[in-house]
Amino acid sequence: MKRLKDYAKEQGVQYRTAWNRYKAGKIAGAFQNEFGQILIDESPPESHFKRVYKQLLIYKSLCFQ
């Protein structure tokens, strides 16, 4: 997790620009925690194929025991 301030520094933009991107929904994985901090989850999102495959494996293990 990184803070919006760190994201702005990485992107080479001012904090206000990063804030505007956050408000516009242009930063994937960004959210505001219960303390009001804007955090960015850096873990890559799981692909649709992997999600469906996991569900299939779970279904198969439950039905064909």
C-alpha atoms as a PDB file:
ATOM      1  CA  MET A   1       0.000   0.000   0.000  1.00  0.00           C
ATOM      2  CA  LYS A   2       1.206   3.438  -0.738  1.00  0.00           C
ATOM      3  CA  ARG A   3      -0.186   6.828   0.093  1.00  0.00           C
ATOM      4  CA  LEU A   4      -1.481   9.316  -2.445  1.00  0.00           C
ATOM      5  CA  LYS A   5       1.482  11.546  -1.627  1.00  0.00           C
ATOM      6  CA  ASP A   6       3.884   8.770  -2.695  1.00  0.00           C
ATOM      7  CA  TYR A   7       1.850   8.114  -5.849  1.00  0.00           C
ATOM      8  CA  ALA A   8       2.101  11.805  -6.786  1.00  0.00           C
ATOM      9  CA  LYS A   9       5.860  11.793  -6.278  1.00  0.00           C
ATOM     10  CA  GLU A  10       6.243   8.623  -8.408  1.00  0.00           C
ATOM     11  CA  GLN A  11       4.133  10.082 -11.203  1.00  0.00           C
ATOM     12  CA  GLY A  12       5.931  13.426 -11.087  1.00  0.00           C
ATOM     13  CA  VAL A  13       2.755  15.404 -10.447  1.00  0.00           C
ATOM     14  CA  GLN A  14       1.574  17.650  -7.649  1.00  0.00           C
ATOM     15  CA  TYR A  15      -0.532  16.226  -4.841  1.00  0.00           C
ATOM     16  CA  ARG A  16      -3.567  18.162  -6.062  1.00  0.00           C
ATOM     17  CA  THR A  17      -3.304  16.525  -9.513  1.00  0.00           C
ATOM     18  CA  ALA A  18      -3.138  13.094  -7.873  1.00  0.00           C
ATOM     19  CA  TRP A  19      -6.160  14.039  -5.736  1.00  0.00           C
ATOM     20  CA  ASN A  20      -8.112  15.042  -8.850  1.00  0.00           C
ATOM     21  CA  ARG A  21      -7.215  11.717 -10.498  1.00  0.00           C
ATOM     22  CA  TYR A  22      -8.410   9.875  -7.385  1.00  0.00           C
ATOM     23  CA  LYS A  23     -11.710  11.771  -7.314  1.00  0.00           C
ATOM     24  CA  ALA A  24     -12.210  11.060 -11.033  1.00  0.00           C
ATOM     25  CA  GLY A  25     -11.650   7.315 -10.406  1.00  0.00           C
ATOM     26  CA  LYS A  26      -8.557   7.176 -12.594  1.00  0.00           C
ATOM     27  CA  ILE A  27      -6.281   5.453 -10.059  1.00  0.00           C
ATOM     28  CA  ALA A  28      -6.879   1.714  -9.975  1.00  0.00           C
ATOM     29  CA  GLY A  29      -6.961   0.254  -6.468  1.00  0.00           C
ATOM     30  CA  ALA A  30      -7.269   3.623  -4.712  1.00  0.00           C
ATOM     31  CA  PHE A  31      -9.537   3.957  -1.684  1.00  0.00           C
ATOM     32  CA  GLN A  32     -10.042   6.114   1.388  1.00  0.00           C
ATOM     33  CA  ASN A  33      -9.618   4.371   4.729  1.00  0.00           C
ATOM     34  CA  GLU A  34     -11.560   5.085   7.909  1.00  0.00           C
ATOM     35  CA  PHE A  35      -8.998   7.736   8.939  1.00  0.00           C
ATOM     36  CA  GLY A  36      -9.426   9.682   5.708  1.00  0.00           C
ATOM     37  CA  GLN A  37      -6.127   8.664   4.147  1.00  0.00           C
ATOM     38  CA  ILE A  38      -6.076   7.904   0.422  1.00  0.00           C
ATOM     39  CA  LEU A  39      -4.261   4.608  -0.106  1.00  0.00           C
ATOM     40  CA  ILE A  40      -3.417   2.743  -3.290  1.00  0.00           C
ATOM     41  CA  ASP A  41      -3.337  -1.037  -3.344  1.00  0.00           C
ATOM     42  CA  GLU A  42      -0.452  -2.032  -5.599  1.00  0.00           C
ATOM     43  CA  SER A  43      -1.239  -5.737  -5.899  1.00  0.00           C
ATOM     44  CA  PRO A  44      -2.261  -6.643  -9.444  1.00  0.00           C
ATOM     45  CA  PRO A  45      -5.920  -7.524  -9.886  1.00  0.00           C
ATOM     46  CA  GLU A  46      -6.717 -11.185 -10.399  1.00  0.00           C
ATOM     47  CA  SER A  47      -7.680 -12.027 -13.959  1.00  0.00           C
ATOM     48  CA  HIS A  48     -11.197 -13.181 -14.769  1.00  0.00           C
ATOM     49  CA  PHE A  49      -9.868 -16.518 -16.034  1.00  0.00           C
ATOM     50  CA  LYS A  50      -8.082 -17.256 -12.743  1.00  0.00           C
ATOM     51  CA  ARG A  51     -11.202 -16.403 -10.727  1.00  0.00           C
ATOM     52  CA  VAL A  52     -13.432 -18.669 -12.826  1.00  0.00           C
ATOM     53  CA  TYR A  53     -10.866 -21.480 -12.748  1.00  0.00           C
ATOM     54  CA  LYS A  54     -10.666 -21.303  -8.938  1.00  0.00           C
ATOM     55  CA  GLN A  55     -14.462 -21.436  -8.687  1.00  0.00           C
ATOM     56  CA  LEU A  56     -14.518 -24.432 -11.035  1.00  0.00           C
ATOM     57  CA  LEU A  57     -11.963 -26.275  -8.895  1.00  0.00           C
ATOM     58  CA  ILE A  58     -13.968 -25.596  -5.751  1.00  0.00           C
ATOM     59  CA  TYR A  59     -17.184 -26.773  -7.430  1.00  0.00           C
ATOM     60  CA  LYS A  60     -15.470 -29.900  -8.752  1.00  0.00           C
ATOM     61  CA  SER A  61     -14.048 -30.756  -5.316  1.00  0.00           C
ATOM     62  CA  LEU A  62     -17.459 -30.334  -3.664  1.00  0.00           C
ATOM     63  CA  CYS A  63     -19.537 -32.239  -6.209  1.00  0.00           C
ATOM     64  CA  PHE A  64     -17.270 -35.084  -7.270  1.00  0.00           C
ATOM     65  CA  GLN A  65     -15.887 -36.492  -4.044  1.00  0.00           C
END
